[in-house]
Amino acid sequence: MKRQLQIIASSLLLSSTCALSTSVSAGIYDEGFENPTLGWRILQNDYQQANWLDVVSFEWDYFMVHNHDGRFAGIVGYVLANPRGRMDGVLEIVPNGGNAAFVGEVDHQIPVANYHNFGLVNTEVSDTERYMYAESDDQELYALIEPAFTPELDAEPALRLAGRSADFEWDLIVTQGMKDRDYLRHGDDAAFTLGPSTDVGIFKSEIWTVDAMWPRTNVVGKVVVRSTGEEIDIDGKGYRENSWGRYLLSIDGWDFLVFSEDHEDGVLMVMQTYHRSKELDFLDVSFYDNGELVAQRFRPTRNEFGWIHPDWQWDSRAQQCVPQNTVLKAENDDYLIEAEVEIGERQAPMLSDKTIGTRIYFIQEHFPSVTGTITNKTTGEVVSEFSGQAGGEFSFTKKLFGFPTSDSGCKRWGDRKFSMPFPDRS
């Protein structure tokens, strides 16, 4: 399963001025679904490398896995951070080099989250294809993402995800689902298109781009629970997101939700909100209305989208208040979308003490259930009633001072900072 690790040349990693060679047909702001196995975006020539904030350049390829039988829900993430080694050994925000995250919820038990950093010299990456191989010094832990063109897939673009973390092993094949939606992914601000932002941080040099490259995926393979040796067959749906840029995430964060129905002609929904950004606040929804495919983006800045977390609790693991549920509403001239999201105990924090940036920060991983309706405002007809397994995250800085907060105190804090008024179209 493993490849022989090849160490990236130190001159490429440690120089503050050199750029990695590249020979690709896609730029960093091209739509990823049109070239889904392209090389890492922050390694491309058109990514601005000569910037004082290049030390916080990072990129993730992020996958959700929701088994159709309900036995397993999980998250697999591959992160490449500061690949040019700016200030290596002096300053790290996101741990340098290759990183892997795996979160598993087995039989609705409390989710278990692992995060491992492999460093610069133990990581091999490609600027021409979506490839990363990284392993720990003792070779006990590893992470692999690579293109997986096979005869069985009829040359369909696919990715193989494999690895071993503290608690899990995995070997998965991921392909795009609901591909019928792609023809609507064109035009300015169309649903499920790139979300570039320049207002995500506190410095003008901070930029961040979110690409829901495969908003619905199909996933097959195996996951092993290492403590018991139990092998879980994976046959499910999921989500793939590729996001990248220069971003001081430790003093900001996001709040997002992903949902798709099990059947290929069902509802597809991605909610993106970033705490400081207005450009990255939107809800993308796709569905069939009496046989006609619809895909629309709703924005708070157009009085089309709002949300609130009605209930909050203190989480001692995350050292912060975390939401227990979500109510969202989207409305434009054509449609009204209403949904309730129940998170409850189906969440766990992703934590790392590797750097000062991660030590003060948490990412709460969600495995919620969603119920909702979509109403055609012209006809008054409810064109869809949807429900099922969803995924999401909430991230922020830990509470660094003071004592744990009561549920009522958490609610006051959360209502003030992490909500948006529902649209008023009267």
Protein backbone atom coordinates (compact mmCIF):
# COMPACT_ATOMS: atom_id res chain seq x y z
CA MET A 1 0.00 0.00 0.00
CA LYS A 2 2.79 2.35 0.86
CA ARG A 3 5.02 4.06 -1.64
CA GLN A 4 8.66 4.63 -0.95
CA LEU A 5 8.90 8.09 0.59
CA GLN A 6 10.89 10.62 -1.41
CA ILE A 7 12.06 13.66 0.52
CA ILE A 8 11.32 17.02 -1.07
CA ALA A 9 14.54 18.81 -1.87
CA SER A 10 15.44 21.15 0.97
CA SER A 11 16.23 23.95 -1.42
CA LEU A 12 12.60 23.95 -2.51
CA LEU A 13 11.28 23.82 1.02
CA LEU A 14 13.47 26.33 2.77
CA SER A 15 14.09 29.02 0.19
CA SER A 16 11.99 32.15 0.68
CA THR A 17 12.19 33.13 -2.95
CA CYS A 18 12.04 30.07 -5.17
CA ALA A 19 8.82 28.84 -6.76
CA LEU A 20 8.04 25.20 -7.41
CA SER A 21 8.08 24.14 -11.04
CA THR A 22 4.71 23.51 -12.64
CA SER A 23 3.17 22.26 -15.85
CA VAL A 24 -0.60 22.36 -15.45
CA SER A 25 -3.53 23.43 -17.57
CA ALA A 26 -5.60 24.82 -14.69
CA GLY A 27 -5.05 27.98 -12.68
CA ILE A 28 -5.87 28.54 -9.06
CA TYR A 29 -9.15 30.27 -9.86
CA ASP A 30 -10.45 27.78 -12.42
CA GLU A 31 -13.46 25.72 -11.40
CA GLY A 32 -12.10 22.59 -9.78
CA PHE A 33 -14.86 20.23 -10.91
CA GLU A 34 -13.63 20.66 -14.48
CA ASN A 35 -10.18 19.33 -13.48
CA PRO A 36 -10.78 17.39 -10.24
CA THR A 37 -7.34 15.75 -9.92
CA LEU A 38 -5.26 18.87 -10.54
CA GLY A 39 -2.17 19.57 -8.45
CA TRP A 40 -2.21 21.48 -5.18
CA ARG A 41 -3.39 25.03 -5.82
CA ILE A 42 -0.87 26.78 -3.56
CA LEU A 43 1.96 25.23 -5.60
CA GLN A 44 0.85 26.79 -8.89
CA ASN A 45 2.75 29.59 -10.60
CA ASP A 46 -0.26 31.91 -10.45
CA TYR A 47 -0.51 31.57 -6.67
CA GLN A 48 1.20 34.61 -5.14
CA GLN A 49 4.15 33.12 -3.31
CA ALA A 50 6.27 36.24 -2.73
CA ASN A 51 4.07 37.55 0.06
CA TRP A 52 4.94 38.27 3.66
CA LEU A 53 2.03 36.05 4.79
CA ASP A 54 3.14 33.03 2.77
CA VAL A 55 4.05 31.48 6.12
CA VAL A 56 0.30 30.91 6.60
CA SER A 57 -0.37 29.57 3.12
CA PHE A 58 -2.23 26.30 3.39
CA GLU A 59 -4.72 24.15 1.53
CA TRP A 60 -7.03 21.31 2.37
CA ASP A 61 -8.74 18.56 0.44
CA TYR A 62 -11.64 17.59 2.68
CA PHE A 63 -14.01 14.63 2.41
CA MET A 64 -17.15 13.54 4.26
CA VAL A 65 -18.29 9.91 4.35
CA HIS A 66 -21.87 8.96 5.30
CA ASN A 67 -22.58 5.25 4.95
CA HIS A 68 -25.99 4.43 3.44
CA ASP A 69 -26.61 1.84 6.18
CA GLY A 70 -25.99 4.43 8.93
CA ARG A 71 -23.19 2.47 10.58
CA PHE A 72 -20.43 4.95 9.87
CA ALA A 73 -20.09 8.68 9.44
CA GLY A 74 -16.70 10.27 9.07
CA ILE A 75 -14.37 12.94 7.79
CA VAL A 76 -11.03 12.53 6.01
CA GLY A 77 -8.84 15.57 5.46
CA TYR A 78 -5.44 16.18 3.86
CA VAL A 79 -3.76 19.51 4.59
CA LEU A 80 -0.66 20.99 2.97
CA ALA A 81 0.74 23.95 4.92
CA ASN A 82 3.58 26.37 4.22
CA PRO A 83 5.10 24.13 1.52
CA ARG A 84 7.93 26.60 0.81
CA GLY A 85 9.05 26.43 4.45
CA ARG A 86 8.87 30.17 5.21
CA MET A 87 10.32 30.78 8.66
CA ASP A 88 10.50 27.04 9.23
CA GLY A 89 11.61 26.39 12.80
CA VAL A 90 10.71 29.95 13.79
CA LEU A 91 6.96 30.34 13.31
CA GLU A 92 4.17 27.86 12.58
CA ILE A 93 0.45 28.56 12.56
CA VAL A 94 -0.95 25.54 10.71
CA PRO A 95 1.64 22.78 11.25
CA ASN A 96 4.11 22.84 8.34
CA GLY A 97 4.10 20.21 5.61
CA GLY A 98 1.62 17.38 5.27
CA ASN A 99 -1.19 16.86 7.75
CA ALA A 100 -3.99 14.30 7.96
CA ALA A 101 -7.25 14.36 9.86
CA PHE A 102 -9.66 11.50 10.39
CA VAL A 103 -12.89 11.58 12.38
CA GLY A 104 -15.01 8.47 12.82
CA GLU A 105 -18.46 7.92 14.29
CA VAL A 106 -19.22 4.19 14.50
CA ASP A 107 -22.77 3.02 15.27
CA HIS A 108 -23.70 6.50 16.54
CA GLN A 109 -21.18 6.30 19.38
CA ILE A 110 -19.26 9.41 20.43
CA PRO A 111 -17.09 10.47 17.46
CA VAL A 112 -13.31 10.04 17.72
CA ALA A 113 -11.06 12.65 16.07
CA ASN A 114 -7.39 12.26 15.10
CA TYR A 115 -5.06 14.92 13.67
CA HIS A 116 -1.44 14.21 12.71
CA ASN A 117 1.31 16.44 11.33
CA PHE A 118 4.09 14.78 9.33
CA GLY A 119 6.29 17.80 8.70
CA LEU A 120 7.98 19.10 5.58
CA VAL A 121 10.73 16.51 5.09
CA ASN A 122 8.34 13.57 5.55
CA THR A 123 5.89 14.82 2.93
CA GLU A 124 5.85 14.33 -0.84
CA VAL A 125 3.42 16.36 -2.94
CA SER A 126 2.75 17.13 -6.58
CA ASP A 127 1.95 20.35 -8.42
CA THR A 128 0.62 18.48 -11.47
CA GLU A 129 -1.81 16.04 -9.86
CA ARG A 130 -3.66 15.71 -6.57
CA TYR A 131 -1.06 13.65 -4.77
CA MET A 132 0.33 13.65 -1.25
CA TYR A 133 2.17 10.96 0.62
CA ALA A 134 3.35 11.58 4.17
CA GLU A 135 4.42 9.36 7.02
CA SER A 136 5.60 9.64 10.61
CA ASP A 137 9.25 9.21 11.51
CA ASP A 138 8.62 5.65 12.74
CA GLN A 139 6.45 4.88 9.69
CA GLU A 140 3.60 3.83 11.99
CA LEU A 141 1.24 6.53 10.71
CA TYR A 142 0.80 7.67 7.12
CA ALA A 143 -1.55 9.48 4.76
CA LEU A 144 -2.04 9.13 1.01
CA ILE A 145 -4.22 10.88 -1.54
CA GLU A 146 -3.77 10.11 -5.23
CA PRO A 147 -5.71 9.91 -8.50
CA ALA A 148 -7.33 6.52 -9.03
CA PHE A 149 -8.13 5.99 -12.68
CA THR A 150 -9.09 2.33 -12.98
CA PRO A 151 -10.79 0.20 -15.67
CA GLU A 152 -13.57 -0.58 -13.20
CA LEU A 153 -14.41 3.13 -13.04
CA ASP A 154 -14.43 3.49 -16.85
CA ALA A 155 -11.73 6.17 -16.62
CA GLU A 156 -14.02 8.30 -14.44
CA PRO A 157 -11.97 10.79 -12.37
CA ALA A 158 -11.54 9.33 -8.91
CA LEU A 159 -9.35 9.71 -5.86
CA ARG A 160 -7.92 7.10 -3.56
CA LEU A 161 -7.75 8.09 0.10
CA ALA A 162 -5.67 5.88 2.37
CA GLY A 163 -3.92 6.19 5.68
CA ARG A 164 -3.40 5.14 9.26
CA SER A 165 -4.06 7.43 12.23
CA ALA A 166 -3.96 6.75 15.96
CA ASP A 167 -7.41 5.12 15.96
CA PHE A 168 -8.29 4.26 12.36
CA GLU A 169 -7.05 2.87 9.07
CA TRP A 170 -8.81 3.65 5.81
CA ASP A 171 -8.67 2.85 2.11
CA LEU A 172 -11.40 4.56 0.08
CA ILE A 173 -12.26 5.38 -3.52
CA VAL A 174 -14.15 8.63 -4.04
CA THR A 175 -15.99 9.70 -7.19
CA GLN A 176 -18.34 12.56 -7.96
CA GLY A 177 -22.07 12.09 -7.39
CA MET A 178 -25.02 14.06 -8.76
CA LYS A 179 -22.98 15.02 -11.82
CA ASP A 180 -26.19 16.10 -13.56
CA ARG A 181 -25.88 19.36 -11.60
CA ASP A 182 -22.62 20.39 -13.26
CA TYR A 183 -24.17 22.07 -16.29
CA LEU A 184 -25.68 24.69 -13.96
CA ARG A 185 -22.28 25.48 -12.40
CA HIS A 186 -21.51 28.29 -14.81
CA GLY A 187 -22.08 32.01 -14.64
CA ASP A 188 -21.40 34.72 -12.11
CA ASP A 189 -22.11 33.58 -8.53
CA ALA A 190 -23.85 30.40 -9.67
CA ALA A 191 -24.50 27.70 -7.08
CA PHE A 192 -21.54 25.47 -6.15
CA THR A 193 -18.99 27.70 -7.89
CA LEU A 194 -15.76 29.05 -6.41
CA GLY A 195 -16.10 31.35 -3.44
CA PRO A 196 -13.03 33.64 -3.42
CA SER A 197 -12.69 36.10 -0.54
CA THR A 198 -10.49 39.02 0.39
CA ASP A 199 -12.45 39.95 3.54
CA VAL A 200 -11.85 36.77 5.53
CA GLY A 201 -9.06 38.08 7.77
CA ILE A 202 -7.66 41.14 9.48
CA PHE A 203 -4.87 41.83 6.96
CA LYS A 204 -5.32 42.79 3.31
CA SER A 205 -2.90 40.03 2.31
CA GLU A 206 -5.19 37.36 3.71
CA ILE A 207 -7.12 35.60 0.95
CA TRP A 208 -9.18 32.43 1.03
CA THR A 209 -11.01 30.50 -1.67
CA VAL A 210 -13.60 27.80 -1.04
CA ASP A 211 -14.37 25.27 -3.76
CA ALA A 212 -17.15 22.73 -3.16
CA MET A 213 -15.50 20.75 -5.93
CA TRP A 214 -17.71 17.67 -5.56
CA PRO A 215 -20.65 18.81 -3.40
CA ARG A 216 -21.91 15.23 -3.56
CA THR A 217 -19.61 12.20 -3.72
CA ASN A 218 -19.95 8.43 -3.82
CA VAL A 219 -17.52 6.57 -1.54
CA VAL A 220 -16.60 2.88 -1.34
CA GLY A 221 -13.86 1.04 0.54
CA LYS A 222 -13.01 0.04 4.09
CA VAL A 223 -12.35 1.62 7.48
CA VAL A 224 -10.67 -0.33 10.30
CA VAL A 225 -11.07 0.54 13.98
CA ARG A 226 -7.55 -0.15 15.20
CA SER A 227 -8.37 -0.82 18.87
CA THR A 228 -10.66 -3.74 18.00
CA GLY A 229 -9.61 -4.69 14.48
CA GLU A 230 -13.21 -4.27 13.35
CA GLU A 231 -13.44 -3.73 9.59
CA ILE A 232 -16.32 -1.59 8.32
CA ASP A 233 -17.38 -1.83 4.69
CA ILE A 234 -17.94 1.65 3.28
CA ASP A 235 -20.64 2.26 0.70
CA GLY A 236 -22.00 5.74 1.04
CA LYS A 237 -22.31 9.33 0.00
CA GLY A 238 -20.28 12.35 0.99
CA TYR A 239 -18.77 15.69 0.08
CA ARG A 240 -15.46 17.00 -1.23
CA GLU A 241 -14.13 20.50 -0.69
CA ASN A 242 -10.84 22.03 -1.81
CA SER A 243 -9.99 25.33 -0.08
CA TRP A 244 -6.77 27.31 -0.05
CA GLY A 245 -5.06 30.64 0.57
CA ARG A 246 -3.29 32.73 3.19
CA TYR A 247 -5.46 32.80 6.28
CA LEU A 248 -4.85 33.31 10.01
CA LEU A 249 -7.56 30.84 10.91
CA SER A 250 -6.65 30.80 14.62
CA ILE A 251 -8.37 34.14 15.15
CA ASP A 252 -11.38 33.46 12.95
CA GLY A 253 -13.22 30.37 11.77
CA TRP A 254 -16.30 29.09 10.01
CA ASP A 255 -19.72 27.56 10.51
CA PHE A 256 -20.93 25.30 7.74
CA LEU A 257 -23.28 22.50 6.77
CA VAL A 258 -23.43 19.90 3.99
CA PHE A 259 -26.43 17.76 3.10
CA SER A 260 -27.43 15.50 0.23
CA GLU A 261 -30.14 12.90 0.01
CA ASP A 262 -29.25 9.28 -0.63
CA HIS A 263 -30.86 9.16 -4.07
CA GLU A 264 -29.10 10.86 -6.97
CA ASP A 265 -32.10 13.04 -7.91
CA GLY A 266 -32.51 14.38 -4.37
CA VAL A 267 -31.81 17.68 -2.63
CA LEU A 268 -28.22 18.93 -2.43
CA MET A 269 -27.28 21.73 -0.02
CA VAL A 270 -24.05 23.44 1.08
CA MET A 271 -24.07 26.25 3.64
CA GLN A 272 -20.84 28.26 3.91
CA THR A 273 -20.37 30.99 6.51
CA TYR A 274 -17.10 32.49 7.73
CA HIS A 275 -17.21 34.60 10.88
CA ARG A 276 -15.45 37.72 9.56
CA SER A 277 -16.38 37.43 5.90
CA LYS A 278 -19.46 38.56 4.02
CA GLU A 279 -18.20 37.25 0.70
CA LEU A 280 -18.11 33.70 2.10
CA ASP A 281 -21.62 33.69 3.55
CA PHE A 282 -24.00 31.84 1.25
CA LEU A 283 -26.27 28.82 0.86
CA ASP A 284 -26.16 26.74 -2.33
CA VAL A 285 -29.15 24.49 -3.00
CA SER A 286 -30.02 22.18 -5.89
CA PHE A 287 -33.21 20.14 -6.36
CA TYR A 288 -35.80 19.03 -8.90
CA ASP A 289 -39.02 21.02 -9.21
CA ASN A 290 -41.50 18.85 -11.13
CA GLY A 291 -38.77 17.37 -13.27
CA GLU A 292 -36.84 20.60 -13.83
CA LEU A 293 -33.40 20.86 -12.22
CA VAL A 294 -32.87 24.00 -10.13
CA ALA A 295 -29.63 25.30 -8.58
CA GLN A 296 -29.47 28.63 -6.77
CA ARG A 297 -27.18 30.57 -4.44
CA PHE A 298 -28.72 32.57 -1.58
CA ARG A 299 -26.80 35.38 0.16
CA PRO A 300 -27.44 37.39 3.33
CA THR A 301 -26.12 40.49 1.54
CA ARG A 302 -29.13 40.20 -0.80
CA ASN A 303 -31.60 39.60 2.05
CA GLU A 304 -31.95 35.96 0.94
CA PHE A 305 -30.42 33.85 3.71
CA GLY A 306 -30.27 33.75 7.51
CA TRP A 307 -29.55 31.29 10.30
CA ILE A 308 -29.44 30.89 14.06
CA HIS A 309 -28.26 28.27 16.54
CA PRO A 310 -31.10 28.15 19.10
CA ASP A 311 -29.21 26.09 21.71
CA TRP A 312 -25.61 26.15 22.91
CA GLN A 313 -23.56 24.19 25.44
CA TRP A 314 -20.13 24.42 26.98
CA ASP A 315 -17.75 21.74 25.62
CA SER A 316 -14.88 21.05 28.01
CA ARG A 317 -12.89 19.31 25.26
CA ALA A 318 -13.07 22.29 22.90
CA GLN A 319 -12.86 24.76 25.82
CA GLN A 320 -15.59 26.80 24.20
CA CYS A 321 -19.33 27.12 23.68
CA VAL A 322 -20.59 25.02 20.78
CA PRO A 323 -23.96 24.95 18.96
CA GLN A 324 -26.39 22.09 19.47
CA ASN A 325 -28.66 22.79 16.52
CA THR A 326 -29.29 25.16 13.62
CA VAL A 327 -32.35 26.71 12.01
CA LEU A 328 -31.87 28.20 8.56
CA LYS A 329 -34.12 30.01 6.12
CA ALA A 330 -33.45 31.03 2.52
CA GLU A 331 -35.86 32.94 0.33
CA ASN A 332 -35.78 34.76 -2.98
CA ASP A 333 -38.46 35.63 -5.53
CA ASP A 334 -38.80 32.00 -6.61
CA TYR A 335 -38.34 29.68 -3.63
CA LEU A 336 -38.58 29.43 0.15
CA ILE A 337 -36.25 26.94 1.85
CA GLU A 338 -36.54 26.11 5.54
CA ALA A 339 -34.48 23.54 7.44
CA GLU A 340 -33.76 22.40 10.97
CA VAL A 341 -30.46 20.77 11.87
CA GLU A 342 -30.07 18.62 14.98
CA ILE A 343 -26.46 18.19 16.16
CA GLY A 344 -26.71 17.28 19.85
CA GLU A 345 -24.04 14.86 21.02
CA ARG A 346 -23.04 13.88 17.49
CA GLN A 347 -19.98 16.12 17.49
CA ALA A 348 -16.35 16.12 18.57
CA PRO A 349 -13.50 18.66 18.49
CA MET A 350 -10.49 18.30 16.23
CA LEU A 351 -7.53 19.38 18.37
CA SER A 352 -3.78 19.72 18.00
CA ASP A 353 -1.04 21.04 20.29
CA LYS A 354 1.56 21.08 17.52
CA THR A 355 1.75 24.89 17.13
CA ILE A 356 0.61 27.95 19.01
CA GLY A 357 -1.93 28.52 16.26
CA THR A 358 -3.58 25.13 16.72
CA ARG A 359 -3.16 25.07 20.51
CA ILE A 360 -5.59 27.98 20.94
CA TYR A 361 -8.04 26.73 18.32
CA PHE A 362 -10.59 23.99 17.75
CA ILE A 363 -12.69 22.65 14.89
CA GLN A 364 -15.92 21.04 16.06
CA GLU A 365 -16.88 18.20 13.71
CA HIS A 366 -20.62 17.63 13.26
CA PHE A 367 -22.66 14.60 12.17
CA PRO A 368 -26.16 16.08 12.35
CA SER A 369 -29.54 15.14 10.93
CA VAL A 370 -31.49 17.56 8.73
CA THR A 371 -35.19 17.98 7.95
CA GLY A 372 -36.64 20.66 5.69
CA THR A 373 -38.94 21.79 2.92
CA ILE A 374 -38.64 23.68 -0.36
CA THR A 375 -41.64 25.68 -1.53
CA ASN A 376 -42.22 27.12 -4.99
CA LYS A 377 -43.46 30.63 -4.23
CA THR A 378 -45.18 31.05 -7.58
CA THR A 379 -47.37 27.96 -7.27
CA GLY A 380 -47.35 27.61 -3.48
CA GLU A 381 -46.44 23.94 -3.92
CA VAL A 382 -44.02 22.18 -1.58
CA VAL A 383 -41.74 20.68 -4.20
CA SER A 384 -39.52 18.81 -1.75
CA GLU A 385 -39.61 17.50 1.80
CA PHE A 386 -36.13 16.28 2.65
CA SER A 387 -34.40 14.62 5.59
CA GLY A 388 -31.32 12.58 6.37
CA GLN A 389 -27.69 12.48 7.43
CA ALA A 390 -25.65 15.66 7.08
CA GLY A 391 -22.23 16.92 8.04
CA GLY A 392 -20.69 20.18 9.12
CA GLU A 393 -18.27 22.09 11.31
CA PHE A 394 -18.02 24.99 13.71
CA SER A 395 -14.59 26.46 14.47
CA PHE A 396 -13.28 29.30 16.58
CA THR A 397 -10.65 30.30 19.12
CA LYS A 398 -10.85 28.52 22.47
CA LYS A 399 -11.89 30.49 25.52
CA LEU A 400 -8.43 31.37 26.77
CA PHE A 401 -9.36 33.04 30.05
CA GLY A 402 -12.04 32.63 32.71
CA PHE A 403 -14.23 29.74 33.71
CA PRO A 404 -16.62 27.52 31.76
CA THR A 405 -19.77 29.28 30.64
CA SER A 406 -23.34 28.26 31.46
CA ASP A 407 -25.70 27.18 28.69
CA SER A 408 -27.55 30.49 28.99
CA GLY A 409 -24.26 32.39 28.86
CA CYS A 410 -23.23 30.38 25.81
CA LYS A 411 -26.52 31.20 24.12
CA ARG A 412 -26.10 34.93 24.68
CA TRP A 413 -22.57 34.73 23.32
CA GLY A 414 -23.53 32.58 20.33
CA ASP A 415 -26.65 34.54 19.37
CA ARG A 416 -24.62 37.74 19.30
CA LYS A 417 -21.68 36.45 17.26
CA PHE A 418 -22.86 33.55 15.12
CA SER A 419 -26.24 34.25 13.59
CA MET A 420 -27.76 36.18 10.70
CA PRO A 421 -31.34 37.56 10.54
CA PHE A 422 -33.79 35.58 8.47
CA PRO A 423 -34.69 37.19 5.15
CA ASP A 424 -37.74 39.45 5.19
CA ARG A 425 -39.31 39.45 1.73
CA SER A 426 -42.62 41.03 2.74
